[in-house]
Amino acid sequence: MGGFSRGCTAICQKSHGIGFGRDCGRNWLQGHEEKPEWAFVWQCLVELGFESDRLLPIGRNWLQGHEEKPEWSHVWQCLVELGFESDRLLPIGRNWLQGHEEKPEWSHVWQCLVELGFESDRLLPIGRNWLQGRKGQAEYRYVYKVVYGRWPPR
């Protein structure tokens, strides 16, 4: 069991009272979708390689209706990195960008899409526009680097 998985198990047991037999963790997901730790428990189970055929669709379904949760981008990115239903999930990420520009997670979703080469001709101008008025934000440097191919001047 890797460090993340071991840490995940310990945190779930201590802070969330979740006995982390894998079945128990999976069962806990149902009915707790509104809890902030839902995404963490889901990701722990995915990282442990537990029932991916069942868990990945559960994560995909959770995305709908939870777009305002900060955990949304983590679940989406995990699914995308695993190559799960990319043809369906990449447009969902692109659509999520609109209306979420003020969220710190915006730059992570945008950057993931661009790095995967998904609609770069459309997304690079969106990133350039996003930079306007956000120079003080931590994410600014990373979006700038992707858009212009270099770090912003200091």
Protein backbone atom coordinates (compact mmCIF):
# COMPACT_ATOMS: atom_id res chain seq x y z
CA MET A 1 0.00 0.00 0.00
CA GLY A 2 1.52 3.34 -1.07
CA GLY A 3 1.98 6.42 1.11
CA PHE A 4 -1.11 8.16 -0.22
CA SER A 5 -3.27 5.11 0.34
CA ARG A 6 -1.89 4.48 3.82
CA GLY A 7 -2.38 8.15 4.74
CA CYS A 8 -5.83 8.09 3.23
CA THR A 9 -6.84 5.10 5.28
CA ALA A 10 -5.54 6.65 8.50
CA ILE A 11 -7.23 10.00 7.88
CA CYS A 12 -10.55 8.40 6.95
CA GLN A 13 -10.50 6.30 10.09
CA LYS A 14 -9.48 9.11 12.45
CA SER A 15 -11.19 12.19 11.12
CA HIS A 16 -14.27 10.82 9.41
CA GLY A 17 -14.99 7.74 11.47
CA ILE A 18 -14.99 5.61 8.37
CA GLY A 19 -13.86 2.07 8.96
CA PHE A 20 -11.83 1.67 5.86
CA GLY A 21 -12.56 -1.80 4.85
CA ARG A 22 -12.95 -1.01 1.18
CA ASP A 23 -16.57 -2.13 1.14
CA CYS A 24 -17.30 0.16 4.04
CA GLY A 25 -15.68 3.12 2.26
CA ARG A 26 -17.62 2.45 -0.93
CA ASN A 27 -20.86 2.03 1.01
CA TRP A 28 -20.19 5.28 2.86
CA LEU A 29 -20.14 7.20 -0.44
CA GLN A 30 -23.83 6.53 -0.98
CA GLY A 31 -25.89 9.07 0.93
CA HIS A 32 -22.93 11.32 1.78
CA GLU A 33 -22.51 13.05 -1.59
CA GLU A 34 -22.95 16.51 -0.06
CA LYS A 35 -20.16 16.10 2.50
CA PRO A 36 -16.85 17.77 1.60
CA GLU A 37 -14.95 14.57 2.39
CA TRP A 38 -16.93 12.60 -0.21
CA ALA A 39 -14.39 13.42 -2.93
CA PHE A 40 -11.50 12.48 -0.66
CA VAL A 41 -12.96 9.08 0.24
CA TRP A 42 -13.83 8.44 -3.42
CA GLN A 43 -10.29 9.32 -4.49
CA CYS A 44 -8.81 7.09 -1.77
CA LEU A 45 -10.80 4.14 -3.03
CA VAL A 46 -9.79 4.88 -6.62
CA GLU A 47 -6.11 5.19 -5.63
CA LEU A 48 -6.37 1.85 -3.84
CA GLY A 49 -7.55 0.36 -7.14
CA PHE A 50 -10.80 -0.78 -5.60
CA GLU A 51 -13.62 -1.62 -8.01
CA SER A 52 -12.68 0.95 -10.63
CA ASP A 53 -15.45 -0.29 -12.89
CA ARG A 54 -17.97 0.81 -10.24
CA LEU A 55 -16.18 3.80 -8.70
CA LEU A 56 -15.27 5.71 -11.84
CA PRO A 57 -18.90 6.01 -13.02
CA ILE A 58 -19.88 7.01 -9.46
CA GLY A 59 -17.33 9.85 -9.64
CA ARG A 60 -18.53 10.90 -13.10
CA ASN A 61 -22.14 10.97 -11.91
CA TRP A 62 -21.18 12.97 -8.81
CA LEU A 63 -19.82 15.77 -11.02
CA GLN A 64 -23.33 16.67 -12.18
CA GLY A 65 -24.97 18.87 -9.58
CA HIS A 66 -21.77 19.48 -7.60
CA GLU A 67 -20.14 22.03 -9.92
CA GLU A 68 -19.95 24.65 -7.17
CA LYS A 69 -18.01 22.44 -4.76
CA PRO A 70 -14.25 23.03 -4.59
CA GLU A 71 -13.76 19.26 -4.78
CA TRP A 72 -15.36 19.15 -8.24
CA SER A 73 -12.09 19.84 -10.04
CA HIS A 74 -10.27 17.12 -8.10
CA VAL A 75 -12.79 14.44 -9.01
CA TRP A 76 -12.91 15.62 -12.64
CA GLN A 77 -9.12 15.72 -12.93
CA CYS A 78 -8.73 12.28 -11.35
CA LEU A 79 -11.16 10.81 -13.87
CA VAL A 80 -9.43 12.55 -16.77
CA GLU A 81 -5.95 11.46 -15.65
CA LEU A 82 -7.18 7.87 -15.52
CA GLY A 83 -8.43 8.23 -19.11
CA PHE A 84 -12.00 7.49 -18.09
CA GLU A 85 -14.52 8.56 -20.74
CA SER A 86 -12.31 11.39 -22.00
CA ASP A 87 -14.59 12.08 -24.94
CA ARG A 88 -17.35 12.85 -22.45
CA LEU A 89 -15.35 14.41 -19.59
CA LEU A 90 -13.18 16.86 -21.52
CA PRO A 91 -16.18 18.84 -22.83
CA ILE A 92 -17.65 18.78 -19.31
CA GLY A 93 -14.44 20.40 -18.02
CA ARG A 94 -14.47 22.97 -20.82
CA ASN A 95 -18.09 23.87 -20.06
CA TRP A 96 -17.32 24.12 -16.33
CA LEU A 97 -14.76 26.86 -17.01
CA GLN A 98 -17.49 29.31 -17.99
CA GLY A 99 -18.92 30.89 -14.88
CA HIS A 100 -16.19 29.56 -12.57
CA GLU A 101 -13.41 32.00 -13.47
CA GLU A 102 -13.16 33.27 -9.88
CA LYS A 103 -12.56 29.82 -8.40
CA PRO A 104 -8.93 28.92 -7.68
CA GLU A 105 -9.56 25.53 -9.31
CA TRP A 106 -10.31 27.20 -12.66
CA SER A 107 -6.66 27.33 -13.68
CA HIS A 108 -6.14 23.62 -12.91
CA VAL A 109 -9.05 22.52 -15.08
CA TRP A 110 -8.03 24.90 -17.87
CA GLN A 111 -4.38 23.81 -17.76
CA CYS A 112 -5.32 20.12 -17.78
CA LEU A 113 -7.47 20.63 -20.87
CA VAL A 114 -4.75 22.57 -22.70
CA GLU A 115 -2.02 20.07 -21.79
CA LEU A 116 -4.18 17.28 -23.20
CA GLY A 117 -4.47 19.26 -26.44
CA PHE A 118 -8.24 19.56 -26.09
CA GLU A 119 -9.50 22.49 -28.18
CA SER A 120 -6.28 24.44 -27.57
CA ASP A 121 -7.14 26.93 -30.31
CA ARG A 122 -10.27 27.81 -28.35
CA LEU A 123 -8.86 27.47 -24.81
CA LEU A 124 -5.65 29.50 -25.19
CA PRO A 125 -7.57 32.74 -25.91
CA ILE A 126 -9.84 31.95 -22.95
CA GLY A 127 -6.73 31.66 -20.77
CA ARG A 128 -5.35 34.92 -22.16
CA ASN A 129 -8.61 36.69 -21.34
CA TRP A 130 -8.65 35.13 -17.87
CA LEU A 131 -5.26 36.73 -17.12
CA GLN A 132 -6.73 40.24 -17.35
CA GLY A 133 -7.12 41.73 -13.88
CA ARG A 134 -5.75 38.67 -12.06
CA LYS A 135 -2.04 39.46 -11.85
CA GLY A 136 -2.04 39.16 -8.05
CA GLN A 137 -3.50 35.65 -8.01
CA ALA A 138 -1.20 32.69 -7.37
CA GLU A 139 -2.53 30.85 -10.45
CA TYR A 140 -1.70 33.79 -12.75
CA ARG A 141 1.93 32.71 -13.30
CA TYR A 142 0.95 29.21 -14.40
CA VAL A 143 -1.74 30.30 -16.83
CA TYR A 144 0.61 32.96 -18.22
CA LYS A 145 3.34 30.36 -18.79
CA VAL A 146 0.98 28.08 -20.69
CA VAL A 147 -0.45 30.92 -22.81
CA TYR A 148 2.88 32.65 -23.63
CA GLY A 149 5.38 29.79 -23.24
CA ARG A 150 7.42 31.63 -20.62
CA TRP A 151 7.12 32.85 -17.07
CA PRO A 152 5.68 36.36 -16.66
CA PRO A 153 8.14 39.21 -16.07
CA ARG A 154 8.56 40.16 -12.42
